[in-house]
Amino acid sequence: MNAVSDIKDRIRPKHCADHLHAGQTTSGVYTIFLQADDQTGQAVYCDMETDGGGWTVSESIAPGGRL
């Protein structure tokens, strides 16, 4: 393993702002790691355009809920 890939393996973004600060400026699906021991991460939509960007977009619908 080289130094660059070793560093990339250690960077574990906790929210979309971490991706934004790392230079990701396109809105889309990114992986964040909510827990320190999380090995796979969670796919979330990051809004990198609204009000400066770095927003983690979340949605939840209760069972039987309507849109």
N, C-alpha and C. Protein backbone atom coordinates (compact mmCIF):
# COMPACT_ATOMS: atom_id res chain seq x y z
N MET A 1 0.85 -1.18 0.00
CA MET A 1 0.00 0.00 0.00
C MET A 1 0.89 1.24 0.00
N ASN A 2 0.56 2.21 -0.83
CA ASN A 2 1.37 3.43 -0.85
C ASN A 2 0.79 4.47 0.10
N ALA A 3 1.51 5.55 0.30
CA ALA A 3 1.12 6.57 1.28
C ALA A 3 -0.22 7.22 0.94
N VAL A 4 -0.48 7.47 -0.34
CA VAL A 4 -1.73 8.13 -0.73
C VAL A 4 -2.92 7.24 -0.43
N SER A 5 -2.88 5.97 -0.81
CA SER A 5 -4.01 5.09 -0.53
C SER A 5 -4.16 4.84 0.96
N ASP A 6 -3.06 4.84 1.71
CA ASP A 6 -3.13 4.69 3.16
C ASP A 6 -3.88 5.86 3.78
N ILE A 7 -3.61 7.07 3.33
CA ILE A 7 -4.29 8.26 3.84
C ILE A 7 -5.77 8.23 3.45
N LYS A 8 -6.07 7.85 2.21
CA LYS A 8 -7.46 7.78 1.78
C LYS A 8 -8.25 6.78 2.62
N ASP A 9 -7.62 5.67 3.01
CA ASP A 9 -8.30 4.68 3.84
C ASP A 9 -8.61 5.23 5.23
N ARG A 10 -7.84 6.19 5.69
CA ARG A 10 -8.05 6.76 7.02
C ARG A 10 -9.06 7.90 7.04
N ILE A 11 -9.32 8.51 5.90
CA ILE A 11 -10.27 9.61 5.84
C ILE A 11 -11.67 9.02 5.81
N ARG A 12 -12.44 9.34 6.83
CA ARG A 12 -13.79 8.80 6.95
C ARG A 12 -14.76 9.96 7.17
N PRO A 13 -15.32 10.51 6.09
CA PRO A 13 -16.22 11.66 6.22
C PRO A 13 -17.44 11.32 7.07
N LYS A 14 -17.76 12.23 7.99
CA LYS A 14 -18.92 12.02 8.87
C LYS A 14 -20.17 12.71 8.33
N HIS A 15 -19.98 13.65 7.42
CA HIS A 15 -21.11 14.37 6.83
C HIS A 15 -20.67 14.97 5.50
N CYS A 16 -21.62 15.51 4.78
CA CYS A 16 -21.34 16.04 3.44
C CYS A 16 -20.36 17.21 3.46
N ALA A 17 -20.34 17.97 4.53
CA ALA A 17 -19.39 19.09 4.61
C ALA A 17 -17.96 18.59 4.52
N ASP A 18 -17.69 17.39 5.06
CA ASP A 18 -16.34 16.82 4.94
C ASP A 18 -15.99 16.57 3.48
N HIS A 19 -16.94 16.07 2.70
CA HIS A 19 -16.71 15.85 1.27
C HIS A 19 -16.48 17.20 0.57
N LEU A 20 -17.27 18.21 0.93
CA LEU A 20 -17.12 19.53 0.33
C LEU A 20 -15.74 20.10 0.62
N HIS A 21 -15.29 19.98 1.85
CA HIS A 21 -13.96 20.50 2.22
C HIS A 21 -12.83 19.72 1.55
N ALA A 22 -13.13 18.48 1.12
CA ALA A 22 -12.14 17.67 0.42
C ALA A 22 -12.14 17.95 -1.09
N GLY A 23 -12.99 18.90 -1.53
CA GLY A 23 -12.98 19.29 -2.93
C GLY A 23 -14.10 18.74 -3.78
N GLN A 24 -15.02 17.97 -3.19
CA GLN A 24 -16.15 17.45 -3.95
C GLN A 24 -17.21 18.54 -4.04
N THR A 25 -17.46 19.06 -5.23
CA THR A 25 -18.37 20.19 -5.39
C THR A 25 -19.62 19.88 -6.20
N THR A 26 -19.79 18.63 -6.59
CA THR A 26 -20.96 18.22 -7.36
C THR A 26 -21.96 17.53 -6.46
N SER A 27 -23.22 17.96 -6.51
CA SER A 27 -24.27 17.30 -5.73
C SER A 27 -24.43 15.87 -6.21
N GLY A 28 -24.70 14.96 -5.29
CA GLY A 28 -24.89 13.56 -5.65
C GLY A 28 -24.79 12.67 -4.43
N VAL A 29 -24.69 11.38 -4.67
CA VAL A 29 -24.64 10.38 -3.60
C VAL A 29 -23.18 10.17 -3.18
N TYR A 30 -22.95 10.28 -1.89
CA TYR A 30 -21.63 10.09 -1.29
C TYR A 30 -21.76 9.14 -0.11
N THR A 31 -20.64 8.59 0.33
CA THR A 31 -20.63 7.72 1.50
C THR A 31 -20.14 8.49 2.71
N ILE A 32 -20.89 8.38 3.82
CA ILE A 32 -20.46 8.95 5.09
C ILE A 32 -20.41 7.82 6.12
N PHE A 33 -19.64 8.03 7.16
CA PHE A 33 -19.45 7.04 8.21
C PHE A 33 -19.95 7.63 9.52
N LEU A 34 -21.11 7.14 9.98
CA LEU A 34 -21.76 7.72 11.14
C LEU A 34 -21.15 7.26 12.46
N GLN A 35 -20.59 6.07 12.48
CA GLN A 35 -20.00 5.51 13.70
C GLN A 35 -18.52 5.24 13.47
N ALA A 36 -17.74 5.31 14.53
CA ALA A 36 -16.29 5.09 14.42
C ALA A 36 -15.96 3.69 13.90
N ASP A 37 -16.78 2.70 14.25
CA ASP A 37 -16.51 1.32 13.86
C ASP A 37 -17.24 0.91 12.58
N ASP A 38 -17.89 1.84 11.92
CA ASP A 38 -18.62 1.56 10.69
C ASP A 38 -17.63 1.24 9.58
N GLN A 39 -17.74 0.07 9.00
CA GLN A 39 -16.82 -0.36 7.95
C GLN A 39 -17.33 -0.09 6.54
N THR A 40 -18.65 -0.01 6.37
CA THR A 40 -19.21 0.14 5.03
C THR A 40 -19.74 1.53 4.74
N GLY A 41 -20.11 2.28 5.76
CA GLY A 41 -20.64 3.61 5.55
C GLY A 41 -22.09 3.60 5.12
N GLN A 42 -22.64 4.80 4.97
CA GLN A 42 -24.03 4.99 4.58
C GLN A 42 -24.06 5.88 3.36
N ALA A 43 -24.78 5.46 2.33
CA ALA A 43 -24.93 6.29 1.13
C ALA A 43 -25.96 7.37 1.42
N VAL A 44 -25.59 8.63 1.19
CA VAL A 44 -26.50 9.76 1.40
C VAL A 44 -26.40 10.70 0.20
N TYR A 45 -27.41 11.51 0.03
CA TYR A 45 -27.37 12.53 -1.01
C TYR A 45 -26.80 13.80 -0.42
N CYS A 46 -25.79 14.36 -1.07
CA CYS A 46 -25.16 15.60 -0.62
C CYS A 46 -25.50 16.72 -1.59
N ASP A 47 -26.08 17.79 -1.05
CA ASP A 47 -26.37 18.99 -1.82
C ASP A 47 -25.17 19.91 -1.69
N MET A 48 -24.42 20.05 -2.77
CA MET A 48 -23.19 20.84 -2.76
C MET A 48 -23.39 22.23 -3.36
N GLU A 49 -24.65 22.63 -3.59
CA GLU A 49 -24.91 23.90 -4.26
C GLU A 49 -25.69 24.89 -3.41
N THR A 50 -26.67 24.43 -2.64
CA THR A 50 -27.53 25.32 -1.88
C THR A 50 -26.78 25.98 -0.73
N ASP A 51 -26.86 27.31 -0.66
CA ASP A 51 -26.33 28.07 0.48
C ASP A 51 -24.92 27.67 0.88
N GLY A 52 -24.05 27.54 -0.11
CA GLY A 52 -22.65 27.22 0.17
C GLY A 52 -22.31 25.74 0.11
N GLY A 53 -23.32 24.88 0.05
CA GLY A 53 -23.09 23.44 -0.10
C GLY A 53 -22.71 22.72 1.17
N GLY A 54 -22.52 21.41 1.03
CA GLY A 54 -22.13 20.57 2.15
C GLY A 54 -23.30 20.05 2.97
N TRP A 55 -24.50 20.08 2.41
CA TRP A 55 -25.69 19.66 3.14
C TRP A 55 -25.97 18.18 2.95
N THR A 56 -26.22 17.49 4.06
CA THR A 56 -26.62 16.09 4.03
C THR A 56 -28.14 16.06 3.95
N VAL A 57 -28.67 15.47 2.89
CA VAL A 57 -30.11 15.42 2.68
C VAL A 57 -30.63 14.09 3.20
N SER A 58 -31.65 14.18 4.06
CA SER A 58 -32.21 12.99 4.69
C SER A 58 -33.72 13.01 4.53
N GLU A 59 -34.30 11.83 4.40
CA GLU A 59 -35.74 11.73 4.28
C GLU A 59 -36.21 10.52 5.05
N SER A 60 -37.33 10.66 5.71
CA SER A 60 -37.90 9.55 6.46
C SER A 60 -39.41 9.59 6.30
N ILE A 61 -39.98 8.45 6.00
CA ILE A 61 -41.43 8.34 5.88
C ILE A 61 -41.89 7.28 6.86
N ALA A 62 -42.81 7.64 7.73
CA ALA A 62 -43.33 6.70 8.72
C ALA A 62 -44.19 5.66 8.00
N PRO A 63 -44.24 4.43 8.55
CA PRO A 63 -45.11 3.41 7.95
C PRO A 63 -46.53 3.95 7.81
N GLY A 64 -47.10 3.79 6.65
CA GLY A 64 -48.45 4.28 6.40
C GLY A 64 -48.48 5.76 6.08
N GLY A 65 -47.32 6.40 6.07
CA GLY A 65 -47.25 7.83 5.79
C GLY A 65 -47.48 8.12 4.32
N ARG A 66 -47.83 9.34 4.03
CA ARG A 66 -48.07 9.75 2.65
C ARG A 66 -47.18 10.93 2.32
N LEU A 67 -46.87 11.05 1.07
CA LEU A 67 -46.12 12.21 0.60
C LEU A 67 -47.06 13.30 0.19
